[in-house]
């Protein structure tokens, strides 16, 4: 089924009650990156709402380093859980179809991958903007009030 040149995938329940087709790594990472672009826009807006130069630089540095650290940890942990449950990747909607505690890893893996990519996407933007604000000359609009 196509609409406007794009292919739509119909979702259905498999024999075990799980939504088909299963999640794919590329799709999960693309959605996390899309959310991350939105977060980068929010970082840019927040950086220019803050008027004080030192506070602006601190905000951008904190965003850079905390995003890098937590995003990397989430991404590595999510990829590990994804690899552990390679044949059975589930969505949060499929939580009640799990039959054992070990199957929750199949749900947590994609969530951590998406969160990790979401946190890593704004890092280069915040780092670059932080460098621009730091090197701006005193009194310019980049410097702040």
N, C-alpha and C. Protein backbone atom coordinates (compact mmCIF):
# COMPACT_ATOMS: atom_id res chain seq x y z
N UNK A 1 0.85 -1.17 0.00
CA UNK A 1 0.00 0.00 0.00
C UNK A 1 0.89 1.23 0.00
N UNK A 2 0.66 2.13 -0.91
CA UNK A 2 1.46 3.35 -0.98
C UNK A 2 0.55 4.57 -0.94
N UNK A 3 1.07 5.63 -0.34
CA UNK A 3 0.37 6.92 -0.34
C UNK A 3 1.40 7.99 -0.61
N UNK A 4 1.25 8.69 -1.70
CA UNK A 4 2.15 9.78 -2.01
C UNK A 4 3.60 9.36 -2.18
N UNK A 5 3.84 8.16 -2.67
CA UNK A 5 5.20 7.72 -2.89
C UNK A 5 5.84 7.05 -1.69
N UNK A 6 5.19 7.05 -0.54
CA UNK A 6 5.75 6.37 0.62
C UNK A 6 5.00 5.07 0.84
N UNK A 7 5.69 4.14 1.40
CA UNK A 7 5.10 2.83 1.63
C UNK A 7 4.61 2.74 3.07
N UNK A 8 3.36 2.42 3.23
CA UNK A 8 2.79 2.26 4.57
C UNK A 8 2.83 0.79 4.96
N UNK A 9 3.21 0.53 6.19
CA UNK A 9 3.28 -0.83 6.69
C UNK A 9 2.09 -1.05 7.61
N UNK A 10 1.35 -2.08 7.35
CA UNK A 10 0.22 -2.40 8.21
C UNK A 10 0.73 -3.15 9.44
N UNK A 11 0.22 -2.74 10.60
CA UNK A 11 0.61 -3.38 11.84
C UNK A 11 -0.47 -4.40 12.18
N UNK A 12 -0.04 -5.58 12.60
CA UNK A 12 -0.98 -6.61 13.01
C UNK A 12 -0.37 -7.39 14.15
N UNK A 13 -1.18 -8.15 14.82
CA UNK A 13 -0.72 -8.98 15.92
C UNK A 13 -0.33 -10.36 15.38
N UNK A 14 0.82 -10.84 15.86
CA UNK A 14 1.27 -12.17 15.48
C UNK A 14 0.58 -13.23 16.31
N UNK A 15 1.03 -14.46 16.19
CA UNK A 15 0.42 -15.57 16.92
C UNK A 15 0.60 -15.45 18.43
N UNK A 16 1.68 -14.79 18.85
CA UNK A 16 1.93 -14.63 20.28
C UNK A 16 1.37 -13.32 20.83
N UNK A 17 0.61 -12.56 20.03
CA UNK A 17 0.00 -11.32 20.49
C UNK A 17 0.89 -10.10 20.36
N UNK A 18 2.06 -10.25 19.77
CA UNK A 18 3.03 -9.16 19.63
C UNK A 18 2.79 -8.45 18.31
N UNK A 19 2.92 -7.13 18.32
CA UNK A 19 2.75 -6.35 17.10
C UNK A 19 3.80 -6.71 16.07
N UNK A 20 3.37 -6.89 14.84
CA UNK A 20 4.26 -7.18 13.72
C UNK A 20 4.19 -6.02 12.76
N UNK A 21 5.19 -5.61 12.05
CA UNK A 21 6.56 -6.11 12.07
C UNK A 21 7.31 -5.64 13.31
N UNK A 22 8.35 -6.37 13.65
CA UNK A 22 9.16 -6.05 14.82
C UNK A 22 9.93 -4.76 14.60
N UNK A 23 10.39 -4.17 15.69
CA UNK A 23 11.18 -2.95 15.59
C UNK A 23 12.51 -3.23 14.91
N UNK A 24 12.98 -2.26 14.14
CA UNK A 24 14.29 -2.36 13.49
C UNK A 24 15.20 -1.29 14.07
N UNK A 25 16.48 -1.60 14.16
CA UNK A 25 17.45 -0.69 14.77
C UNK A 25 17.48 0.65 14.06
N UNK A 26 17.46 0.64 12.75
CA UNK A 26 17.50 1.89 11.98
C UNK A 26 16.30 2.78 12.26
N UNK A 27 15.13 2.19 12.36
CA UNK A 27 13.92 2.95 12.65
C UNK A 27 13.93 3.55 14.05
N UNK A 28 14.41 2.77 15.00
CA UNK A 28 14.49 3.26 16.39
C UNK A 28 15.48 4.40 16.48
N UNK A 29 16.63 4.27 15.82
CA UNK A 29 17.64 5.33 15.86
C UNK A 29 17.16 6.57 15.11
N UNK A 30 16.45 6.40 14.02
CA UNK A 30 15.94 7.55 13.27
C UNK A 30 14.92 8.34 14.09
N UNK A 31 14.06 7.64 14.81
CA UNK A 31 13.09 8.34 15.65
C UNK A 31 13.79 9.05 16.80
N UNK A 32 14.79 8.41 17.40
CA UNK A 32 15.56 9.08 18.45
C UNK A 32 16.28 10.31 17.93
N UNK A 33 16.81 10.23 16.71
CA UNK A 33 17.49 11.38 16.11
C UNK A 33 16.50 12.51 15.83
N UNK A 34 15.30 12.17 15.40
CA UNK A 34 14.29 13.21 15.16
C UNK A 34 13.92 13.92 16.45
N UNK A 35 13.76 13.16 17.52
CA UNK A 35 13.50 13.77 18.82
C UNK A 35 14.69 14.61 19.27
N UNK A 36 15.89 14.16 18.96
CA UNK A 36 17.10 14.90 19.33
C UNK A 36 17.21 16.23 18.61
N UNK A 37 16.77 16.28 17.36
CA UNK A 37 16.78 17.56 16.63
C UNK A 37 15.84 18.55 17.32
N UNK A 38 14.70 18.07 17.76
CA UNK A 38 13.80 18.92 18.53
C UNK A 38 14.43 19.39 19.82
N UNK A 39 15.18 18.52 20.46
CA UNK A 39 15.87 18.90 21.70
C UNK A 39 16.96 19.93 21.42
N UNK A 40 17.64 19.81 20.27
CA UNK A 40 18.67 20.79 19.92
C UNK A 40 18.06 22.17 19.70
N UNK A 41 16.88 22.22 19.12
CA UNK A 41 16.19 23.50 18.96
C UNK A 41 15.86 24.09 20.33
N UNK A 42 15.40 23.25 21.24
CA UNK A 42 15.09 23.72 22.60
C UNK A 42 16.33 24.23 23.31
N UNK A 43 17.47 23.57 23.11
CA UNK A 43 18.73 24.03 23.72
C UNK A 43 19.10 25.39 23.17
N UNK A 44 18.96 25.58 21.86
CA UNK A 44 19.27 26.87 21.26
C UNK A 44 18.38 27.99 21.79
N UNK A 45 17.10 27.71 21.92
CA UNK A 45 16.18 28.71 22.46
C UNK A 45 16.51 29.01 23.91
N UNK A 46 16.75 27.97 24.70
CA UNK A 46 17.06 28.17 26.12
C UNK A 46 18.36 28.94 26.30
N UNK A 47 19.33 28.70 25.42
CA UNK A 47 20.61 29.40 25.55
C UNK A 47 20.45 30.90 25.33
N UNK A 48 19.55 31.30 24.46
CA UNK A 48 19.39 32.72 24.21
C UNK A 48 18.34 33.38 25.10
N UNK A 49 17.59 32.58 25.83
CA UNK A 49 16.69 33.14 26.84
C UNK A 49 17.50 33.58 28.06
N UNK A 50 18.55 32.82 28.36
CA UNK A 50 19.43 33.16 29.47
C UNK A 50 20.27 34.37 29.05
N UNK A 51 20.22 35.43 29.83
CA UNK A 51 20.88 36.68 29.44
C UNK A 51 22.33 36.77 29.92
N UNK A 52 22.64 36.21 31.06
CA UNK A 52 23.98 36.32 31.63
C UNK A 52 24.97 35.45 30.85
N UNK A 53 26.12 36.00 30.51
CA UNK A 53 27.10 35.29 29.70
C UNK A 53 27.61 34.03 30.38
N UNK A 54 28.01 34.13 31.64
CA UNK A 54 28.57 32.97 32.33
C UNK A 54 27.54 31.87 32.51
N UNK A 55 26.32 32.24 32.80
CA UNK A 55 25.25 31.25 32.94
C UNK A 55 24.95 30.58 31.61
N UNK A 56 24.99 31.35 30.53
CA UNK A 56 24.76 30.79 29.19
C UNK A 56 25.85 29.78 28.84
N UNK A 57 27.09 30.12 29.13
CA UNK A 57 28.20 29.20 28.84
C UNK A 57 28.07 27.94 29.71
N UNK A 58 27.73 28.11 30.98
CA UNK A 58 27.56 26.96 31.87
C UNK A 58 26.43 26.04 31.39
N UNK A 59 25.34 26.63 30.94
CA UNK A 59 24.22 25.84 30.43
C UNK A 59 24.65 25.01 29.23
N UNK A 60 25.36 25.62 28.31
CA UNK A 60 25.78 24.90 27.10
C UNK A 60 26.82 23.83 27.42
N UNK A 61 27.73 24.11 28.34
CA UNK A 61 28.72 23.11 28.72
C UNK A 61 28.07 21.94 29.45
N UNK A 62 27.14 22.23 30.34
CA UNK A 62 26.44 21.16 31.06
C UNK A 62 25.63 20.30 30.10
N UNK A 63 24.97 20.94 29.14
CA UNK A 63 24.22 20.19 28.14
C UNK A 63 25.14 19.30 27.33
N UNK A 64 26.30 19.82 26.97
CA UNK A 64 27.25 19.04 26.18
C UNK A 64 27.75 17.82 26.95
N UNK A 65 28.26 18.03 28.13
CA UNK A 65 28.92 16.93 28.84
C UNK A 65 27.93 15.95 29.45
N UNK A 66 26.82 16.42 29.99
CA UNK A 66 25.83 15.50 30.53
C UNK A 66 25.13 14.72 29.41
N UNK A 67 24.85 15.39 28.30
CA UNK A 67 24.26 14.70 27.16
C UNK A 67 25.18 13.64 26.59
N UNK A 68 26.47 13.97 26.52
CA UNK A 68 27.45 13.01 26.00
C UNK A 68 27.58 11.81 26.93
N UNK A 69 27.68 12.05 28.21
CA UNK A 69 27.86 10.96 29.17
C UNK A 69 26.63 10.07 29.25
N UNK A 70 25.47 10.65 29.52
CA UNK A 70 24.27 9.83 29.67
C UNK A 70 23.83 9.21 28.34
N UNK A 71 23.98 9.95 27.26
CA UNK A 71 23.62 9.40 25.95
C UNK A 71 24.47 8.20 25.58
N UNK A 72 25.77 8.29 25.84
CA UNK A 72 26.66 7.17 25.53
C UNK A 72 26.34 5.95 26.39
N UNK A 73 26.08 6.17 27.67
CA UNK A 73 25.75 5.06 28.57
C UNK A 73 24.44 4.41 28.13
N UNK A 74 23.42 5.22 27.85
CA UNK A 74 22.13 4.67 27.42
C UNK A 74 22.26 3.92 26.10
N UNK A 75 23.02 4.49 25.16
CA UNK A 75 23.15 3.85 23.86
C UNK A 75 23.89 2.52 23.96
N UNK A 76 24.98 2.48 24.71
CA UNK A 76 25.74 1.23 24.85
C UNK A 76 24.90 0.17 25.58
N UNK A 77 24.23 0.57 26.65
CA UNK A 77 23.39 -0.38 27.38
C UNK A 77 22.24 -0.86 26.50
N UNK A 78 21.62 0.04 25.75
CA UNK A 78 20.52 -0.34 24.87
C UNK A 78 20.97 -1.28 23.77
N UNK A 79 22.13 -1.01 23.18
CA UNK A 79 22.64 -1.91 22.14
C UNK A 79 22.99 -3.28 22.71
N UNK A 80 23.48 -3.31 23.95
CA UNK A 80 23.76 -4.59 24.61
C UNK A 80 22.47 -5.38 24.81
N UNK A 81 21.44 -4.72 25.34
CA UNK A 81 20.16 -5.40 25.55
C UNK A 81 19.54 -5.81 24.21
N UNK A 82 19.71 -4.98 23.19
CA UNK A 82 19.20 -5.31 21.85
C UNK A 82 19.87 -6.58 21.35
N UNK A 83 21.19 -6.66 21.53
CA UNK A 83 21.92 -7.85 21.08
C UNK A 83 21.52 -9.09 21.88
N UNK A 84 21.22 -8.91 23.16
CA UNK A 84 20.82 -10.05 23.99
C UNK A 84 19.46 -10.61 23.57
N UNK A 85 18.60 -9.78 23.04
CA UNK A 85 17.25 -10.22 22.67
C UNK A 85 17.03 -10.06 21.17
N UNK A 86 18.02 -10.36 20.38
CA UNK A 86 18.02 -10.06 18.96
C UNK A 86 16.79 -10.60 18.22
N UNK A 87 16.35 -11.77 18.53
CA UNK A 87 15.23 -12.34 17.79
C UNK A 87 13.87 -11.87 18.25
N UNK A 88 13.80 -11.18 19.37
CA UNK A 88 12.51 -10.86 19.97
C UNK A 88 12.50 -9.43 20.49
N UNK A 89 12.52 -8.44 19.60
CA UNK A 89 12.50 -7.03 19.98
C UNK A 89 11.05 -6.59 20.10
N UNK A 90 10.68 -6.04 21.25
CA UNK A 90 9.29 -5.70 21.53
C UNK A 90 9.11 -4.20 21.72
N UNK A 91 7.86 -3.75 21.56
CA UNK A 91 7.47 -2.37 21.85
C UNK A 91 6.93 -2.31 23.27
N UNK A 92 6.78 -1.09 23.79
CA UNK A 92 6.17 -0.93 25.11
C UNK A 92 4.74 -1.44 25.10
N UNK A 93 4.06 -1.35 23.97
CA UNK A 93 2.68 -1.84 23.87
C UNK A 93 2.59 -3.34 24.07
N UNK A 94 3.71 -4.03 23.86
CA UNK A 94 3.74 -5.49 23.99
C UNK A 94 4.14 -5.94 25.39
N UNK A 95 4.16 -5.03 26.35
CA UNK A 95 4.62 -5.37 27.70
C UNK A 95 3.81 -6.52 28.30
N UNK A 96 2.50 -6.51 28.09
CA UNK A 96 1.66 -7.53 28.72
C UNK A 96 1.68 -8.86 27.98
N UNK A 97 2.40 -8.94 26.87
CA UNK A 97 2.55 -10.22 26.19
C UNK A 97 3.78 -10.97 26.67
N UNK A 98 4.59 -10.34 27.52
CA UNK A 98 5.78 -11.02 28.04
C UNK A 98 5.36 -12.10 29.02
N UNK A 99 6.11 -13.19 29.01
CA UNK A 99 5.76 -14.31 29.89
C UNK A 99 6.75 -14.50 31.02
N UNK A 100 7.87 -13.81 30.98
CA UNK A 100 8.86 -13.96 32.05
C UNK A 100 9.60 -12.66 32.28
N UNK A 101 10.29 -12.62 33.41
CA UNK A 101 11.02 -11.40 33.75
C UNK A 101 12.16 -11.12 32.78
N UNK A 102 12.74 -12.15 32.22
CA UNK A 102 13.87 -11.97 31.30
C UNK A 102 13.44 -11.33 29.98
N UNK A 103 12.16 -11.38 29.64
CA UNK A 103 11.70 -10.80 28.38
C UNK A 103 11.56 -9.29 28.43
N UNK A 104 11.62 -8.70 29.61
CA UNK A 104 11.53 -7.25 29.73
C UNK A 104 12.73 -6.59 29.05
N UNK A 105 13.85 -7.31 28.97
CA UNK A 105 15.04 -6.80 28.28
C UNK A 105 14.71 -6.50 26.82
N UNK A 106 13.79 -7.25 26.24
CA UNK A 106 13.39 -7.03 24.85
C UNK A 106 12.66 -5.71 24.67
N UNK A 107 12.10 -5.18 25.75
CA UNK A 107 11.41 -3.89 25.70
C UNK A 107 12.35 -2.75 26.05
N UNK A 108 13.22 -2.98 27.03
CA UNK A 108 14.12 -1.93 27.52
C UNK A 108 15.19 -1.59 26.48
N UNK A 109 15.65 -2.57 25.72
CA UNK A 109 16.71 -2.33 24.73
C UNK A 109 16.38 -1.22 23.74
N UNK A 110 15.26 -1.32 23.02
CA UNK A 110 14.92 -0.24 22.09
C UNK A 110 14.69 1.11 22.77
N UNK A 111 14.15 1.08 23.97
CA UNK A 111 13.91 2.34 24.69
C UNK A 111 15.22 3.03 25.03
N UNK A 112 16.20 2.27 25.47
CA UNK A 112 17.50 2.86 25.81
C UNK A 112 18.23 3.34 24.56
N UNK A 113 18.12 2.61 23.47
CA UNK A 113 18.75 3.05 22.21
C UNK A 113 18.14 4.37 21.77
N UNK A 114 16.82 4.47 21.79
CA UNK A 114 16.16 5.72 21.38
C UNK A 114 16.54 6.87 22.30
N UNK A 115 16.56 6.62 23.61
CA UNK A 115 16.93 7.68 24.56
C UNK A 115 18.39 8.09 24.39
N UNK A 116 19.27 7.12 24.12
CA UNK A 116 20.68 7.45 23.92
C UNK A 116 20.91 8.31 22.70
N UNK A 117 20.27 7.97 21.60
CA UNK A 117 20.41 8.78 20.38
C UNK A 117 19.78 10.15 20.59
N UNK A 118 18.63 10.18 21.27
CA UNK A 118 17.97 11.45 21.59
C UNK A 118 18.89 12.37 22.39
N UNK A 119 19.66 11.82 23.31
CA UNK A 119 20.56 12.64 24.13
C UNK A 119 21.84 13.01 23.39
N UNK A 120 22.28 12.19 22.46
CA UNK A 120 23.54 12.46 21.76
C UNK A 120 23.40 13.47 20.62
N UNK A 121 22.23 13.58 20.02
CA UNK A 121 22.07 14.48 18.87
C UNK A 121 22.31 15.94 19.23
N UNK A 122 21.82 16.48 20.35
CA UNK A 122 22.06 17.90 20.65
C UNK A 122 23.48 18.22 21.10
N UNK A 123 24.31 17.21 21.38
CA UNK A 123 25.65 17.45 21.91
C UNK A 123 26.52 18.28 20.96
N UNK A 124 26.65 17.94 19.68
CA UNK A 124 27.49 18.77 18.81
C UNK A 124 26.96 20.20 18.66
N UNK A 125 25.64 20.34 18.64
CA UNK A 125 25.05 21.67 18.54
C UNK A 125 25.37 22.49 19.78
N UNK A 126 25.19 21.91 20.96
CA UNK A 126 25.47 22.63 22.21
C UNK A 126 26.96 22.94 22.33
N UNK A 127 27.82 22.01 21.90
CA UNK A 127 29.26 22.24 21.97
C UNK A 127 29.67 23.39 21.04
N UNK A 128 29.18 23.35 19.80
CA UNK A 128 29.51 24.42 18.85
C UNK A 128 28.98 25.77 19.27
N UNK A 129 27.75 25.80 19.77
CA UNK A 129 27.18 27.05 20.24
C UNK A 129 27.92 27.56 21.46
N UNK A 130 28.35 26.65 22.32
CA UNK A 130 29.15 27.05 23.48
C UNK A 130 30.47 27.66 23.08
N UNK A 131 31.11 27.11 22.05
CA UNK A 131 32.36 27.67 21.56
C UNK A 131 32.14 29.06 20.96
N UNK A 132 31.04 29.22 20.23
CA UNK A 132 30.73 30.54 19.65
C UNK A 132 30.47 31.57 20.74
N UNK A 133 29.70 31.20 21.76
CA UNK A 133 29.38 32.14 22.84
C UNK A 133 30.64 32.48 23.62
N UNK A 134 31.50 31.51 23.86
CA UNK A 134 32.73 31.75 24.61
C UNK A 134 33.66 32.68 23.85
N UNK A 135 33.75 32.52 22.54
CA UNK A 135 34.69 33.32 21.76
C UNK A 135 34.09 34.64 21.27
N UNK A 136 32.82 34.90 21.57
CA UNK A 136 32.19 36.15 21.12
C UNK A 136 32.82 37.33 21.85
N UNK A 137 32.88 38.46 21.17
CA UNK A 137 33.47 39.63 21.80
C UNK A 137 32.47 40.28 22.74
N UNK A 138 33.00 40.93 23.74
CA UNK A 138 32.19 41.54 24.79
C UNK A 138 31.23 42.56 24.19
N UNK A 139 29.97 42.49 24.60
CA UNK A 139 28.96 43.44 24.14
C UNK A 139 28.17 42.97 22.93
N UNK A 140 28.59 41.90 22.26
CA UNK A 140 27.85 41.43 21.09
C UNK A 140 26.59 40.68 21.55
N UNK A 141 25.69 40.43 20.62
CA UNK A 141 24.46 39.74 20.98
C UNK A 141 24.72 38.29 21.39
N UNK A 142 25.81 37.69 20.89
CA UNK A 142 26.17 36.34 21.33
C UNK A 142 26.71 36.34 22.75
N UNK A 143 27.37 37.40 23.14
CA UNK A 143 27.94 37.49 24.48
C UNK A 143 26.85 37.46 25.55
N UNK A 144 25.81 38.21 25.34
CA UNK A 144 24.72 38.30 26.32
C UNK A 144 24.73 39.64 27.00
N UNK A 145 23.89 39.77 28.02
CA UNK A 145 23.76 41.05 28.72
C UNK A 145 24.90 41.29 29.69
